[in-house]
PDB file of N, CA and C in Angstrom:
ATOM      1  N   MET A   1       0.858  -1.309  -0.085  1.00  0.00           N
ATOM      2  CA  MET A   1      -0.097  -0.023  -0.086  1.00  0.00           C
ATOM      3  C   MET A   1       0.899   1.338   0.027  1.00  0.00           C
ATOM      4  N   ALA A   2       0.336   2.333  -0.551  1.00  0.00           N
ATOM      5  CA  ALA A   2       1.095   3.477  -0.761  1.00  0.00           C
ATOM      6  C   ALA A   2       0.352   4.604  -0.046  1.00  0.00           C
ATOM      7  N   PHE A   3       0.942   5.467   0.487  1.00  0.00           N
ATOM      8  CA  PHE A   3       0.140   6.577   1.260  1.00  0.00           C
ATOM      9  C   PHE A   3       0.864   7.866   0.871  1.00  0.00           C
ATOM     10  N   ILE A   4       0.098   9.106   0.968  1.00  0.00           N
ATOM     11  CA  ILE A   4       0.514  10.396   0.905  1.00  0.00           C
ATOM     12  C   ILE A   4       0.132  11.153   2.100  1.00  0.00           C
ATOM     13  N   THR A   5       0.788  12.195   2.439  1.00  0.00           N
ATOM     14  CA  THR A   5       0.355  13.076   3.430  1.00  0.00           C
ATOM     15  C   THR A   5       0.027  14.427   2.984  1.00  0.00           C
ATOM     16  N   ALA A   6      -0.759  15.047   3.636  1.00  0.00           N
ATOM     17  CA  ALA A   6      -1.168  16.385   3.107  1.00  0.00           C
ATOM     18  C   ALA A   6      -1.663  17.222   4.481  1.00  0.00           C
ATOM     19  N   THR A   7      -1.731  18.408   4.211  1.00  0.00           N
ATOM     20  CA  THR A   7      -2.256  19.374   5.235  1.00  0.00           C
ATOM     21  C   THR A   7      -3.742  19.647   5.153  1.00  0.00           C
ATOM     22  N   SER A   8      -4.689  19.034   5.865  1.00  0.00           N
ATOM     23  CA  SER A   8      -6.098  19.144   5.731  1.00  0.00           C
ATOM     24  C   SER A   8      -6.412  20.637   6.412  1.00  0.00           C
ATOM     25  N   THR A   9      -7.455  21.213   5.684  1.00  0.00           N
ATOM     26  CA  THR A   9      -7.948  22.443   6.124  1.00  0.00           C
ATOM     27  C   THR A   9      -9.263  22.115   6.903  1.00  0.00           C
ATOM     28  N   ASN A  10      -9.840  21.131   6.496  1.00  0.00           N
ATOM     29  CA  ASN A  10     -11.221  20.852   7.019  1.00  0.00           C
ATOM     30  C   ASN A  10     -11.218  19.866   8.301  1.00  0.00           C
ATOM     31  N   LEU A  11      -9.907  19.089   8.384  1.00  0.00           N
ATOM     32  CA  LEU A  11      -9.819  18.182   9.443  1.00  0.00           C
ATOM     33  C   LEU A  11      -8.838  18.895  10.523  1.00  0.00           C
ATOM     34  N   GLY A  12      -7.964  19.646  10.084  1.00  0.00           N
ATOM     35  CA  GLY A  12      -7.009  20.374  10.816  1.00  0.00           C
ATOM     36  C   GLY A  12      -5.740  19.650  11.056  1.00  0.00           C
ATOM     37  N   GLY A  13      -4.748  19.988  10.357  1.00  0.00           N
ATOM     38  CA  GLY A  13      -3.452  19.303  10.583  1.00  0.00           C
ATOM     39  C   GLY A  13      -3.120  18.339   9.483  1.00  0.00           C
ATOM     40  N   GLN A  14      -1.951  17.677   9.479  1.00  0.00           N
ATOM     41  CA  GLN A  14      -1.588  16.726   8.719  1.00  0.00           C
ATOM     42  C   GLN A  14      -2.479  15.278   8.710  1.00  0.00           C
ATOM     43  N   VAL A  15      -2.750  14.705   7.577  1.00  0.00           N
ATOM     44  CA  VAL A  15      -3.471  13.566   7.356  1.00  0.00           C
ATOM     45  C   VAL A  15      -2.639  12.642   6.461  1.00  0.00           C
ATOM     46  N   THR A  16      -2.818  11.310   6.685  1.00  0.00           N
ATOM     47  CA  THR A  16      -2.282  10.540   5.775  1.00  0.00           C
ATOM     48  C   THR A  16      -3.309   9.610   5.165  1.00  0.00           C
ATOM     49  N   ILE A  17      -3.212   9.577   3.883  1.00  0.00           N
ATOM     50  CA  ILE A  17      -4.217   9.034   3.029  1.00  0.00           C
ATOM     51  C   ILE A  17      -3.594   7.908   2.056  1.00  0.00           C
ATOM     52  N   ASN A  18      -4.371   6.726   2.189  1.00  0.00           N
ATOM     53  CA  ASN A  18      -4.035   5.478   1.215  1.00  0.00           C
ATOM     54  C   ASN A  18      -4.440   5.875  -0.013  1.00  0.00           C
ATOM     55  N   VAL A  19      -3.463   5.887  -0.908  1.00  0.00           N
ATOM     56  CA  VAL A  19      -3.754   6.249  -2.348  1.00  0.00           C
ATOM     57  C   VAL A  19      -4.801   5.334  -2.980  1.00  0.00           C
ATOM     58  N   ASN A  20      -4.935   4.053  -2.529  1.00  0.00           N
ATOM     59  CA  ASN A  20      -5.873   3.117  -3.134  1.00  0.00           C
ATOM     60  C   ASN A  20      -7.254   3.574  -2.732  1.00  0.00           C
ATOM     61  N   HIS A  21      -7.381   4.335  -1.723  1.00  0.00           N
ATOM     62  CA  HIS A  21      -8.832   5.031  -1.360  1.00  0.00           C
ATOM     63  C   HIS A  21      -9.157   6.193  -2.150  1.00  0.00           C
ATOM     64  N   ILE A  22      -8.292   6.833  -2.886  1.00  0.00           N
ATOM     65  CA  ILE A  22      -8.429   8.005  -3.645  1.00  0.00           C
ATOM     66  C   ILE A  22      -9.318   7.704  -4.787  1.00  0.00           C
ATOM     67  N   VAL A  23     -10.463   8.534  -5.084  1.00  0.00           N
ATOM     68  CA  VAL A  23     -11.375   8.302  -6.289  1.00  0.00           C
ATOM     69  C   VAL A  23     -11.025   9.526  -7.153  1.00  0.00           C
ATOM     70  N   ALA A  24     -10.733  10.640  -6.596  1.00  0.00           N
ATOM     71  CA  ALA A  24     -10.686  11.890  -7.424  1.00  0.00           C
ATOM     72  C   ALA A  24      -9.912  13.046  -6.728  1.00  0.00           C
ATOM     73  N   VAL A  25      -9.271  13.819  -7.469  1.00  0.00           N
ATOM     74  CA  VAL A  25      -8.652  15.069  -6.779  1.00  0.00           C
ATOM     75  C   VAL A  25      -9.263  16.252  -7.742  1.00  0.00           C
ATOM     76  N   VAL A  26      -9.930  17.074  -7.025  1.00  0.00           N
ATOM     77  CA  VAL A  26     -10.575  18.142  -7.789  1.00  0.00           C
ATOM     78  C   VAL A  26     -10.406  19.525  -7.150  1.00  0.00           C
ATOM     79  N   VAL A  27     -10.610  20.599  -7.911  1.00  0.00           N
ATOM     80  CA  VAL A  27     -10.389  21.996  -7.467  1.00  0.00           C
ATOM     81  C   VAL A  27     -11.812  22.490  -7.503  1.00  0.00           C
ATOM     82  N   ILE A  28     -12.135  22.983  -6.257  1.00  0.00           N
ATOM     83  CA  ILE A  28     -13.450  23.605  -6.154  1.00  0.00           C
ATOM     84  C   ILE A  28     -13.285  25.053  -5.637  1.00  0.00           C
ATOM     85  N   GLY A  29     -13.533  26.001  -6.384  1.00  0.00           N
ATOM     86  CA  GLY A  29     -13.013  27.467  -6.101  1.00  0.00           C
ATOM     87  C   GLY A  29     -11.624  27.487  -6.040  1.00  0.00           C
ATOM     88  N   SER A  30     -11.128  27.989  -4.863  1.00  0.00           N
ATOM     89  CA  SER A  30      -9.592  27.947  -4.646  1.00  0.00           C
ATOM     90  C   SER A  30      -9.142  26.804  -3.832  1.00  0.00           C
ATOM     91  N   ASN A  31     -10.004  25.800  -3.578  1.00  0.00           N
ATOM     92  CA  ASN A  31      -9.630  24.684  -2.841  1.00  0.00           C
ATOM     93  C   ASN A  31      -9.420  23.395  -3.442  1.00  0.00           C
ATOM     94  N   THR A  32      -8.479  22.669  -3.065  1.00  0.00           N
ATOM     95  CA  THR A  32      -8.150  21.325  -3.713  1.00  0.00           C
ATOM     96  C   THR A  32      -8.800  20.342  -2.682  1.00  0.00           C
ATOM     97  N   VAL A  33      -9.524  19.440  -3.249  1.00  0.00           N
ATOM     98  CA  VAL A  33     -10.231  18.461  -2.558  1.00  0.00           C
ATOM     99  C   VAL A  33      -9.856  17.013  -2.943  1.00  0.00           C
ATOM    100  N   ILE A  34      -9.565  16.077  -1.966  1.00  0.00           N
ATOM    101  CA  ILE A  34      -9.316  14.766  -2.313  1.00  0.00           C
ATOM    102  C   ILE A  34     -10.455  13.989  -1.889  1.00  0.00           C
ATOM    103  N   GLN A  35     -11.185  13.348  -2.822  1.00  0.00           N
ATOM    104  CA  GLN A  35     -12.243  12.507  -2.561  1.00  0.00           C
ATOM    105  C   GLN A  35     -11.867  11.091  -2.470  1.00  0.00           C
ATOM    106  N   THR A  36     -12.335  10.408  -1.305  1.00  0.00           N
ATOM    107  CA  THR A  36     -11.928   8.936  -1.039  1.00  0.00           C
ATOM    108  C   THR A  36     -13.159   8.045  -0.974  1.00  0.00           C
ATOM    109  N   THR A  37     -12.868   6.868  -1.071  1.00  0.00           N
ATOM    110  CA  THR A  37     -14.070   5.798  -0.901  1.00  0.00           C
ATOM    111  C   THR A  37     -14.381   5.361   0.442  1.00  0.00           C
ATOM    112  N   VAL A  38     -13.572   5.719   1.241  1.00  0.00           N
ATOM    113  CA  VAL A  38     -13.795   5.409   2.694  1.00  0.00           C
ATOM    114  C   VAL A  38     -13.428   6.606   3.585  1.00  0.00           C
ATOM    115  N   PRO A  39     -14.002   6.912   4.725  1.00  0.00           N
ATOM    116  CA  PRO A  39     -13.529   7.890   5.713  1.00  0.00           C
ATOM    117  C   PRO A  39     -12.097   7.719   6.023  1.00  0.00           C
ATOM    118  N   GLU A  40     -11.386   8.683   6.041  1.00  0.00           N
ATOM    119  CA  GLU A  40      -9.835   8.577   6.383  1.00  0.00           C
ATOM    120  C   GLU A  40      -9.741   8.955   7.887  1.00  0.00           C
ATOM    121  N   ALA A  41      -8.553   8.521   8.431  1.00  0.00           N
ATOM    122  CA  ALA A  41      -8.117   8.962   9.737  1.00  0.00           C
ATOM    123  C   ALA A  41      -9.124   8.455  10.762  1.00  0.00           C
ATOM    124  N   THR A  42      -9.739   9.378  11.393  1.00  0.00           N
ATOM    125  CA  THR A  42     -10.607   9.066  12.771  1.00  0.00           C
ATOM    126  C   THR A  42     -12.026   9.114  12.089  1.00  0.00           C
ATOM    127  N   GLY A  43     -12.386   8.576  11.058  1.00  0.00           N
ATOM    128  CA  GLY A  43     -13.712   8.540  10.537  1.00  0.00           C
ATOM    129  C   GLY A  43     -14.091   9.868   9.806  1.00  0.00           C
ATOM    130  N   GLY A  44     -13.102  10.680   9.398  1.00  0.00           N
ATOM    131  CA  GLY A  44     -13.391  11.938   8.855  1.00  0.00           C
ATOM    132  C   GLY A  44     -14.215  11.892   7.522  1.00  0.00           C
ATOM    133  N   PRO A  45     -14.405  12.981   6.914  1.00  0.00           N
ATOM    134  CA  PRO A  45     -15.226  12.956   5.649  1.00  0.00           C
ATOM    135  C   PRO A  45     -14.649  12.318   4.526  1.00  0.00           C
ATOM    136  N   TYR A  46     -15.490  12.111   3.509  1.00  0.00           N
ATOM    137  CA  TYR A  46     -15.039  11.468   2.219  1.00  0.00           C
ATOM    138  C   TYR A  46     -14.343  12.492   1.365  1.00  0.00           C
ATOM    139  N   GLY A  47     -14.505  13.887   1.628  1.00  0.00           N
ATOM    140  CA  GLY A  47     -13.951  14.873   0.925  1.00  0.00           C
ATOM    141  C   GLY A  47     -12.975  15.613   1.852  1.00  0.00           C
ATOM    142  N   ILE A  48     -11.603  15.502   1.606  1.00  0.00           N
ATOM    143  CA  ILE A  48     -10.591  16.099   2.386  1.00  0.00           C
ATOM    144  C   ILE A  48     -10.103  17.461   1.802  1.00  0.00           C
ATOM    145  N   TYR A  49     -10.310  18.370   2.297  1.00  0.00           N
ATOM    146  CA  TYR A  49      -9.875  19.762   1.648  1.00  0.00           C
ATOM    147  C   TYR A  49      -8.456  20.064   2.248  1.00  0.00           C
ATOM    148  N   VAL A  50      -7.482  20.284   1.245  1.00  0.00           N
ATOM    149  CA  VAL A  50      -6.003  20.324   1.600  1.00  0.00           C
ATOM    150  C   VAL A  50      -5.553  21.712   1.131  1.00  0.00           C
ATOM    151  N   ALA A  51      -4.333  22.143   1.923  1.00  0.00           N
ATOM    152  CA  ALA A  51      -3.721  23.228   1.637  1.00  0.00           C
ATOM    153  C   ALA A  51      -2.884  23.288   0.312  1.00  0.00           C
ATOM    154  N   GLU A  52      -2.361  21.934  -0.044  1.00  0.00           N
ATOM    155  CA  GLU A  52      -1.481  21.953  -1.018  1.00  0.00           C
ATOM    156  C   GLU A  52      -2.158  22.092  -2.630  1.00  0.00           C
ATOM    157  N   SER A  53      -1.514  22.373  -3.550  1.00  0.00           N
ATOM    158  CA  SER A  53      -2.094  22.605  -4.799  1.00  0.00           C
ATOM    159  C   SER A  53      -2.517  21.282  -5.531  1.00  0.00           C
ATOM    160  N   TYR A  54      -3.418  21.365  -6.531  1.00  0.00           N
ATOM    161  CA  TYR A  54      -3.758  20.183  -7.230  1.00  0.00           C
ATOM    162  C   TYR A  54      -2.496  19.453  -7.799  1.00  0.00           C
ATOM    163  N   SER A  55      -1.716  20.146  -8.535  1.00  0.00           N
ATOM    164  CA  SER A  55      -0.527  19.605  -9.026  1.00  0.00           C
ATOM    165  C   SER A  55       0.343  18.891  -8.105  1.00  0.00           C
ATOM    166  N   ASP A  56       0.556  19.482  -6.972  1.00  0.00           N
ATOM    167  CA  ASP A  56       1.324  18.829  -5.824  1.00  0.00           C
ATOM    168  C   ASP A  56       0.764  17.514  -5.450  1.00  0.00           C
ATOM    169  N   ILE A  57      -0.530  17.599  -5.148  1.00  0.00           N
ATOM    170  CA  ILE A  57      -1.076  16.329  -4.725  1.00  0.00           C
ATOM    171  C   ILE A  57      -1.131  15.295  -5.710  1.00  0.00           C
ATOM    172  N   VAL A  58      -1.402  15.713  -7.070  1.00  0.00           N
ATOM    173  CA  VAL A  58      -1.505  14.620  -8.187  1.00  0.00           C
ATOM    174  C   VAL A  58       0.016  14.095  -8.262  1.00  0.00           C
ATOM    175  N   GLY A  59       1.117  14.997  -7.926  1.00  0.00           N
ATOM    176  CA  GLY A  59       2.455  14.558  -8.081  1.00  0.00           C
ATOM    177  C   GLY A  59       2.849  13.634  -6.864  1.00  0.00           C
ATOM    178  N   ARG A  60       2.182  13.834  -5.759  1.00  0.00           N
ATOM    179  CA  ARG A  60       2.519  12.966  -4.662  1.00  0.00           C
ATOM    180  C   ARG A  60       2.029  11.556  -4.782  1.00  0.00           C
ATOM    181  N   ILE A  61       0.668  11.639  -5.392  1.00  0.00           N
ATOM    182  CA  ILE A  61       0.161  10.290  -5.723  1.00  0.00           C
ATOM    183  C   ILE A  61       0.871   9.492  -6.642  1.00  0.00           C
ATOM    184  N   ALA A  62       1.310  10.161  -7.707  1.00  0.00           N
ATOM    185  CA  ALA A  62       2.153   9.360  -8.801  1.00  0.00           C
ATOM    186  C   ALA A  62       3.288   8.731  -8.289  1.00  0.00           C
ATOM    187  N   THR A  63       3.981   9.699  -7.391  1.00  0.00           N
ATOM    188  CA  THR A  63       5.319   9.303  -6.673  1.00  0.00           C
ATOM    189  C   THR A  63       5.003   7.968  -5.822  1.00  0.00           C
ATOM    190  N   ALA A  64       3.870   7.968  -5.040  1.00  0.00           N
ATOM    191  CA  ALA A  64       3.492   7.049  -4.045  1.00  0.00           C
ATOM    192  C   ALA A  64       3.342   5.760  -4.765  1.00  0.00           C
ATOM    193  N   GLU A  65       2.600   5.757  -5.896  1.00  0.00           N
ATOM    194  CA  GLU A  65       2.160   4.730  -6.687  1.00  0.00           C
ATOM    195  C   GLU A  65       3.336   4.197  -7.425  1.00  0.00           C
ATOM    196  N   ALA A  66       4.325   4.849  -7.733  1.00  0.00           N
ATOM    197  CA  ALA A  66       5.545   4.512  -8.389  1.00  0.00           C
ATOM    198  C   ALA A  66       6.452   3.778  -7.367  1.00  0.00           C
ATOM    199  N   TYR A  67       6.632   4.252  -6.257  1.00  0.00           N
ATOM    200  CA  TYR A  67       7.781   3.752  -5.409  1.00  0.00           C
ATOM    201  C   TYR A  67       7.220   3.016  -4.274  1.00  0.00           C
ATOM    202  N   GLY A  68       5.945   3.279  -3.810  1.00  0.00           N
ATOM    203  CA  GLY A  68       5.319   2.605  -2.584  1.00  0.00           C
ATOM    204  C   GLY A  68       6.065   3.033  -1.243  1.00  0.00           C
ATOM    205  N   PRO A  69       5.749   2.212  -0.373  1.00  0.00           N
ATOM    206  CA  PRO A  69       6.224   2.608   1.003  1.00  0.00           C
ATOM    207  C   PRO A  69       7.631   2.388   1.019  1.00  0.00           C
ATOM    208  N   GLY A  70       8.227   3.416   1.953  1.00  0.00           N
ATOM    209  CA  GLY A  70       9.645   3.289   2.303  1.00  0.00           C
ATOM    210  C   GLY A  70      10.539   3.819   1.273  1.00  0.00           C
ATOM    211  N   GLU A  71      10.016   4.548   0.357  1.00  0.00           N
ATOM    212  CA  GLU A  71      10.923   5.095  -0.839  1.00  0.00           C
ATOM    213  C   GLU A  71      10.918   6.568  -0.634  1.00  0.00           C
TER     214      GLU A  71
END
């Protein structure tokens, strides 16, 4: 399994997200939102608003999928 970390603006603080749970990364207004298939972390929402840019998040997902854990 591969994971990414991001700074959540609706959950507050750093979150770790399993990339296998990510269905979409979208931009809503000025916000980047990661949509997941299951609630992340402590049963949080399916939509995680993050401080990072769309391109940053997509890049992290691509890197995590390419190298997996520990890389």
